[in-house]
Amino acid sequence: MSNPDFFAVVAKDNNEVIGGLTVFILPVYYDEKPVAYICDVGVKQSHQGKGVGKALMVFVTGYCQKNGLLEAYVEAEADDTDAVSFYRRTTFSTEIQVIHFTYGFDKSVDY
C-alpha cells in the first residue's frame, strides 16, 4: 500500500465496505501522461445491481481525468459474461478484443 502508483477505492454503506476496486498508475512509452489500470473490481453480492459498481467506475475515471491521466482501462475475460456485461453498461470510449498470453515462472518451465 506504500506504492504511490497504486490506490484502492471502496464503497461503503453505513460503515460497511460493500465494494471496491484497485488502480495501478502506469507510465507508457507513447505519451508523457500515464494511464490507469483498473482491476479487482468487486461489489458484495447483496449490493449488486444497485449502481455501486457504476458509481465506483464513475468516481475512479473522474479522478483519473481530473489528475491528468491519459486514459484508464479495465480488462475482463471474454467468458466472464457478468463482468463484460457490466463494463458494457458503463461509459467507456472504446472496446477492443485482445488475446492475453501469460508467462508463469514456476520451476518446471525453463525460459
N, C-alpha and C. Protein backbone atom coordinates (compact mmCIF):
# COMPACT_ATOMS: atom_id res chain seq x y z
N MET A 1 0.82 -1.20 0.00
CA MET A 1 0.00 0.00 0.00
C MET A 1 0.86 1.26 0.00
N SER A 2 2.16 1.14 0.17
CA SER A 2 3.02 2.31 0.19
C SER A 2 3.45 2.73 -1.22
N ASN A 3 3.06 1.99 -2.23
CA ASN A 3 3.41 2.33 -3.61
C ASN A 3 2.59 3.55 -4.05
N PRO A 4 3.23 4.65 -4.42
CA PRO A 4 2.47 5.85 -4.81
C PRO A 4 1.74 5.68 -6.15
N ASP A 5 2.05 4.63 -6.89
CA ASP A 5 1.39 4.37 -8.16
C ASP A 5 0.27 3.34 -8.04
N PHE A 6 -0.20 3.12 -6.84
CA PHE A 6 -1.28 2.18 -6.57
C PHE A 6 -2.23 2.80 -5.56
N PHE A 7 -3.53 2.63 -5.80
CA PHE A 7 -4.50 3.04 -4.79
C PHE A 7 -5.75 2.19 -4.89
N ALA A 8 -6.50 2.20 -3.82
CA ALA A 8 -7.75 1.45 -3.74
C ALA A 8 -8.89 2.42 -3.47
N VAL A 9 -10.05 2.09 -4.00
CA VAL A 9 -11.26 2.87 -3.78
C VAL A 9 -12.31 1.92 -3.23
N VAL A 10 -13.00 2.33 -2.17
CA VAL A 10 -14.04 1.49 -1.59
C VAL A 10 -15.37 2.21 -1.59
N ALA A 11 -16.42 1.43 -1.65
CA ALA A 11 -17.78 1.94 -1.48
C ALA A 11 -18.30 1.41 -0.15
N LYS A 12 -18.90 2.30 0.63
CA LYS A 12 -19.39 1.90 1.94
C LYS A 12 -20.87 2.22 2.07
N ASP A 13 -21.53 1.42 2.88
CA ASP A 13 -22.92 1.64 3.24
C ASP A 13 -23.00 1.51 4.76
N ASN A 14 -23.23 2.63 5.44
CA ASN A 14 -23.26 2.63 6.91
C ASN A 14 -22.02 1.97 7.52
N ASN A 15 -20.86 2.41 7.12
CA ASN A 15 -19.57 1.91 7.63
C ASN A 15 -19.23 0.49 7.20
N GLU A 16 -20.03 -0.14 6.37
CA GLU A 16 -19.74 -1.48 5.85
C GLU A 16 -19.19 -1.34 4.44
N VAL A 17 -18.05 -1.95 4.17
CA VAL A 17 -17.50 -1.95 2.82
C VAL A 17 -18.35 -2.89 1.97
N ILE A 18 -18.91 -2.34 0.89
CA ILE A 18 -19.79 -3.13 0.03
C ILE A 18 -19.23 -3.30 -1.38
N GLY A 19 -18.11 -2.65 -1.65
CA GLY A 19 -17.50 -2.79 -2.97
C GLY A 19 -16.17 -2.06 -3.01
N GLY A 20 -15.45 -2.30 -4.08
CA GLY A 20 -14.18 -1.61 -4.23
C GLY A 20 -13.48 -2.00 -5.51
N LEU A 21 -12.37 -1.33 -5.72
CA LEU A 21 -11.51 -1.62 -6.87
C LEU A 21 -10.12 -1.13 -6.55
N THR A 22 -9.16 -1.58 -7.34
CA THR A 22 -7.79 -1.11 -7.19
C THR A 22 -7.34 -0.51 -8.52
N VAL A 23 -6.35 0.39 -8.42
CA VAL A 23 -5.85 1.09 -9.60
C VAL A 23 -4.33 1.14 -9.54
N PHE A 24 -3.71 0.79 -10.65
CA PHE A 24 -2.27 0.95 -10.83
C PHE A 24 -2.05 2.06 -11.85
N ILE A 25 -1.22 3.03 -11.52
CA ILE A 25 -0.86 4.09 -12.45
C ILE A 25 0.40 3.63 -13.19
N LEU A 26 0.31 3.57 -14.51
CA LEU A 26 1.39 3.01 -15.32
C LEU A 26 1.95 4.04 -16.31
N PRO A 27 3.26 4.20 -16.34
CA PRO A 27 3.85 5.05 -17.39
C PRO A 27 3.74 4.32 -18.73
N VAL A 28 3.67 5.08 -19.80
CA VAL A 28 3.63 4.49 -21.14
C VAL A 28 4.69 5.16 -22.00
N TYR A 29 5.18 4.46 -22.99
CA TYR A 29 6.25 4.99 -23.83
C TYR A 29 5.74 5.99 -24.87
N TYR A 30 4.45 5.97 -25.17
CA TYR A 30 3.90 6.76 -26.27
C TYR A 30 3.30 8.10 -25.83
N ASP A 31 3.38 8.41 -24.56
CA ASP A 31 2.84 9.68 -24.09
C ASP A 31 3.50 10.06 -22.77
N GLU A 32 3.53 11.33 -22.48
CA GLU A 32 4.09 11.78 -21.21
C GLU A 32 3.14 11.50 -20.04
N LYS A 33 1.85 11.44 -20.35
CA LYS A 33 0.86 11.17 -19.31
C LYS A 33 0.76 9.66 -19.06
N PRO A 34 0.60 9.26 -17.81
CA PRO A 34 0.42 7.84 -17.52
C PRO A 34 -1.02 7.40 -17.77
N VAL A 35 -1.24 6.09 -17.70
CA VAL A 35 -2.58 5.53 -17.81
C VAL A 35 -2.91 4.82 -16.50
N ALA A 36 -4.18 4.60 -16.27
CA ALA A 36 -4.63 3.89 -15.08
C ALA A 36 -5.16 2.52 -15.47
N TYR A 37 -4.66 1.50 -14.81
CA TYR A 37 -5.16 0.15 -14.99
C TYR A 37 -6.05 -0.17 -13.81
N ILE A 38 -7.34 -0.30 -14.07
CA ILE A 38 -8.34 -0.59 -13.04
C ILE A 38 -8.48 -2.10 -12.94
N CYS A 39 -8.39 -2.62 -11.73
CA CYS A 39 -8.52 -4.07 -11.57
C CYS A 39 -9.19 -4.40 -10.23
N ASP A 40 -9.47 -5.66 -10.07
CA ASP A 40 -10.07 -6.17 -8.83
C ASP A 40 -11.37 -5.45 -8.48
N VAL A 41 -12.19 -5.19 -9.48
CA VAL A 41 -13.48 -4.54 -9.24
C VAL A 41 -14.43 -5.57 -8.64
N GLY A 42 -15.04 -5.22 -7.54
CA GLY A 42 -15.98 -6.15 -6.92
C GLY A 42 -17.01 -5.43 -6.08
N VAL A 43 -18.21 -6.02 -6.07
CA VAL A 43 -19.30 -5.49 -5.25
C VAL A 43 -19.92 -6.67 -4.51
N LYS A 44 -20.15 -6.48 -3.23
CA LYS A 44 -20.78 -7.52 -2.41
C LYS A 44 -22.08 -7.97 -3.09
N GLN A 45 -22.29 -9.26 -3.14
CA GLN A 45 -23.42 -9.81 -3.89
C GLN A 45 -24.76 -9.18 -3.50
N SER A 46 -24.95 -8.91 -2.21
CA SER A 46 -26.21 -8.33 -1.75
C SER A 46 -26.42 -6.90 -2.25
N HIS A 47 -25.38 -6.28 -2.78
CA HIS A 47 -25.48 -4.90 -3.27
C HIS A 47 -25.31 -4.79 -4.78
N GLN A 48 -25.16 -5.91 -5.46
CA GLN A 48 -25.02 -5.88 -6.91
C GLN A 48 -26.34 -5.46 -7.56
N GLY A 49 -26.22 -4.79 -8.69
CA GLY A 49 -27.41 -4.33 -9.41
C GLY A 49 -28.03 -3.07 -8.85
N LYS A 50 -27.33 -2.41 -7.92
CA LYS A 50 -27.85 -1.20 -7.28
C LYS A 50 -27.05 0.04 -7.62
N GLY A 51 -26.17 -0.06 -8.60
CA GLY A 51 -25.40 1.10 -9.03
C GLY A 51 -24.07 1.31 -8.32
N VAL A 52 -23.71 0.42 -7.42
CA VAL A 52 -22.46 0.58 -6.66
C VAL A 52 -21.25 0.47 -7.58
N GLY A 53 -21.23 -0.55 -8.42
CA GLY A 53 -20.11 -0.74 -9.34
C GLY A 53 -19.98 0.42 -10.31
N LYS A 54 -21.10 0.87 -10.83
CA LYS A 54 -21.07 2.01 -11.75
C LYS A 54 -20.56 3.25 -11.04
N ALA A 55 -20.99 3.47 -9.81
CA ALA A 55 -20.52 4.63 -9.04
C ALA A 55 -19.01 4.56 -8.81
N LEU A 56 -18.49 3.37 -8.55
CA LEU A 56 -17.04 3.21 -8.39
C LEU A 56 -16.31 3.58 -9.68
N MET A 57 -16.82 3.10 -10.81
CA MET A 57 -16.19 3.39 -12.09
C MET A 57 -16.27 4.88 -12.43
N VAL A 58 -17.40 5.51 -12.17
CA VAL A 58 -17.55 6.94 -12.41
C VAL A 58 -16.57 7.72 -11.54
N PHE A 59 -16.46 7.33 -10.27
CA PHE A 59 -15.55 8.03 -9.38
C PHE A 59 -14.11 7.91 -9.85
N VAL A 60 -13.67 6.69 -10.13
CA VAL A 60 -12.25 6.50 -10.46
C VAL A 60 -11.90 7.10 -11.81
N THR A 61 -12.79 7.02 -12.79
CA THR A 61 -12.48 7.63 -14.09
C THR A 61 -12.47 9.16 -13.97
N GLY A 62 -13.37 9.70 -13.18
CA GLY A 62 -13.36 11.15 -12.93
C GLY A 62 -12.09 11.59 -12.22
N TYR A 63 -11.68 10.80 -11.23
CA TYR A 63 -10.44 11.09 -10.51
C TYR A 63 -9.25 11.09 -11.48
N CYS A 64 -9.19 10.09 -12.33
CA CYS A 64 -8.08 9.98 -13.28
C CYS A 64 -8.08 11.16 -14.26
N GLN A 65 -9.24 11.52 -14.74
CA GLN A 65 -9.34 12.65 -15.67
C GLN A 65 -8.89 13.94 -14.98
N LYS A 66 -9.36 14.18 -13.77
CA LYS A 66 -9.01 15.41 -13.04
C LYS A 66 -7.52 15.47 -12.70
N ASN A 67 -6.88 14.32 -12.61
CA ASN A 67 -5.47 14.28 -12.23
C ASN A 67 -4.55 14.11 -13.43
N GLY A 68 -5.06 14.36 -14.63
CA GLY A 68 -4.22 14.45 -15.81
C GLY A 68 -3.76 13.15 -16.43
N LEU A 69 -4.42 12.04 -16.13
CA LEU A 69 -4.03 10.79 -16.76
C LEU A 69 -4.53 10.75 -18.20
N LEU A 70 -3.84 10.04 -19.04
CA LEU A 70 -4.20 9.94 -20.45
C LEU A 70 -5.50 9.17 -20.63
N GLU A 71 -5.62 8.05 -19.95
CA GLU A 71 -6.81 7.21 -20.04
C GLU A 71 -6.78 6.21 -18.89
N ALA A 72 -7.90 5.52 -18.73
CA ALA A 72 -8.00 4.42 -17.78
C ALA A 72 -8.56 3.23 -18.53
N TYR A 73 -8.14 2.04 -18.14
CA TYR A 73 -8.69 0.86 -18.79
C TYR A 73 -8.89 -0.26 -17.78
N VAL A 74 -9.76 -1.17 -18.13
CA VAL A 74 -10.08 -2.33 -17.32
C VAL A 74 -10.20 -3.51 -18.26
N GLU A 75 -9.82 -4.67 -17.80
CA GLU A 75 -9.90 -5.88 -18.61
C GLU A 75 -10.91 -6.84 -18.01
N ALA A 76 -11.53 -7.63 -18.87
CA ALA A 76 -12.42 -8.70 -18.43
C ALA A 76 -12.21 -9.89 -19.35
N GLU A 77 -12.18 -11.07 -18.79
CA GLU A 77 -12.06 -12.27 -19.61
C GLU A 77 -13.36 -12.47 -20.38
N ALA A 78 -13.23 -12.88 -21.63
CA ALA A 78 -14.39 -13.00 -22.51
C ALA A 78 -15.46 -13.93 -21.94
N ASP A 79 -15.05 -14.97 -21.23
CA ASP A 79 -16.03 -15.91 -20.70
C ASP A 79 -16.64 -15.46 -19.38
N ASP A 80 -16.19 -14.34 -18.84
CA ASP A 80 -16.79 -13.75 -17.65
C ASP A 80 -17.91 -12.82 -18.11
N THR A 81 -19.01 -13.43 -18.49
CA THR A 81 -20.10 -12.67 -19.12
C THR A 81 -20.70 -11.62 -18.20
N ASP A 82 -20.70 -11.87 -16.89
CA ASP A 82 -21.23 -10.86 -15.96
C ASP A 82 -20.36 -9.61 -15.98
N ALA A 83 -19.03 -9.79 -15.95
CA ALA A 83 -18.12 -8.63 -15.97
C ALA A 83 -18.21 -7.90 -17.30
N VAL A 84 -18.21 -8.63 -18.40
CA VAL A 84 -18.30 -8.00 -19.73
C VAL A 84 -19.59 -7.21 -19.85
N SER A 85 -20.68 -7.80 -19.41
CA SER A 85 -21.97 -7.11 -19.46
C SER A 85 -21.95 -5.85 -18.60
N PHE A 86 -21.37 -5.94 -17.40
CA PHE A 86 -21.28 -4.78 -16.52
C PHE A 86 -20.49 -3.65 -17.18
N TYR A 87 -19.29 -3.94 -17.68
CA TYR A 87 -18.47 -2.89 -18.27
C TYR A 87 -19.12 -2.28 -19.51
N ARG A 88 -19.85 -3.07 -20.25
CA ARG A 88 -20.56 -2.54 -21.42
C ARG A 88 -21.67 -1.58 -21.02
N ARG A 89 -22.14 -1.65 -19.79
CA ARG A 89 -23.18 -0.73 -19.32
C ARG A 89 -22.58 0.55 -18.72
N THR A 90 -21.25 0.63 -18.64
CA THR A 90 -20.60 1.84 -18.13
C THR A 90 -20.27 2.75 -19.31
N THR A 91 -19.87 3.96 -19.01
CA THR A 91 -19.50 4.92 -20.05
C THR A 91 -18.02 4.74 -20.36
N PHE A 92 -17.72 4.21 -21.54
CA PHE A 92 -16.34 3.99 -21.94
C PHE A 92 -16.15 4.52 -23.35
N SER A 93 -14.89 4.68 -23.75
CA SER A 93 -14.58 5.25 -25.06
C SER A 93 -14.51 4.19 -26.14
N THR A 94 -13.79 3.11 -25.88
CA THR A 94 -13.63 2.05 -26.88
C THR A 94 -13.61 0.69 -26.21
N GLU A 95 -13.97 -0.31 -26.99
CA GLU A 95 -13.86 -1.70 -26.56
C GLU A 95 -13.01 -2.42 -27.60
N ILE A 96 -11.99 -3.12 -27.15
CA ILE A 96 -11.16 -3.89 -28.09
C ILE A 96 -11.08 -5.33 -27.63
N GLN A 97 -10.93 -6.23 -28.56
CA GLN A 97 -10.74 -7.64 -28.27
C GLN A 97 -9.24 -7.94 -28.31
N VAL A 98 -8.72 -8.61 -27.31
CA VAL A 98 -7.30 -8.95 -27.26
C VAL A 98 -7.15 -10.42 -26.88
N ILE A 99 -6.01 -10.96 -27.18
CA ILE A 99 -5.64 -12.28 -26.69
C ILE A 99 -4.52 -12.08 -25.69
N HIS A 100 -4.71 -12.60 -24.52
CA HIS A 100 -3.79 -12.38 -23.40
C HIS A 100 -2.91 -13.62 -23.25
N PHE A 101 -1.61 -13.46 -23.29
CA PHE A 101 -0.66 -14.55 -23.09
C PHE A 101 -0.01 -14.36 -21.73
N THR A 102 0.00 -15.39 -20.92
CA THR A 102 0.59 -15.33 -19.59
C THR A 102 1.83 -16.21 -19.54
N TYR A 103 2.88 -15.71 -18.94
CA TYR A 103 4.12 -16.44 -18.77
C TYR A 103 4.30 -16.70 -17.28
N GLY A 104 4.01 -17.92 -16.85
CA GLY A 104 4.19 -18.28 -15.45
C GLY A 104 5.65 -18.64 -15.20
N PHE A 105 6.11 -18.39 -14.01
CA PHE A 105 7.52 -18.61 -13.71
C PHE A 105 7.72 -19.65 -12.61
N ASP A 106 7.03 -20.77 -12.75
CA ASP A 106 7.28 -21.85 -11.79
C ASP A 106 8.57 -22.57 -12.19
N LYS A 107 9.07 -23.42 -11.35
CA LYS A 107 10.38 -24.04 -11.56
C LYS A 107 10.37 -25.12 -12.63
N SER A 108 9.20 -25.59 -13.05
CA SER A 108 9.17 -26.68 -14.05
C SER A 108 9.32 -26.16 -15.48
N VAL A 109 9.28 -24.85 -15.67
CA VAL A 109 9.41 -24.28 -17.01
C VAL A 109 10.76 -23.58 -17.10
N ASP A 110 11.52 -23.89 -18.15
CA ASP A 110 12.83 -23.26 -18.33
C ASP A 110 12.72 -22.23 -19.44
N TYR A 111 12.96 -20.96 -19.11
CA TYR A 111 12.89 -19.89 -20.08
C TYR A 111 14.27 -19.63 -20.58
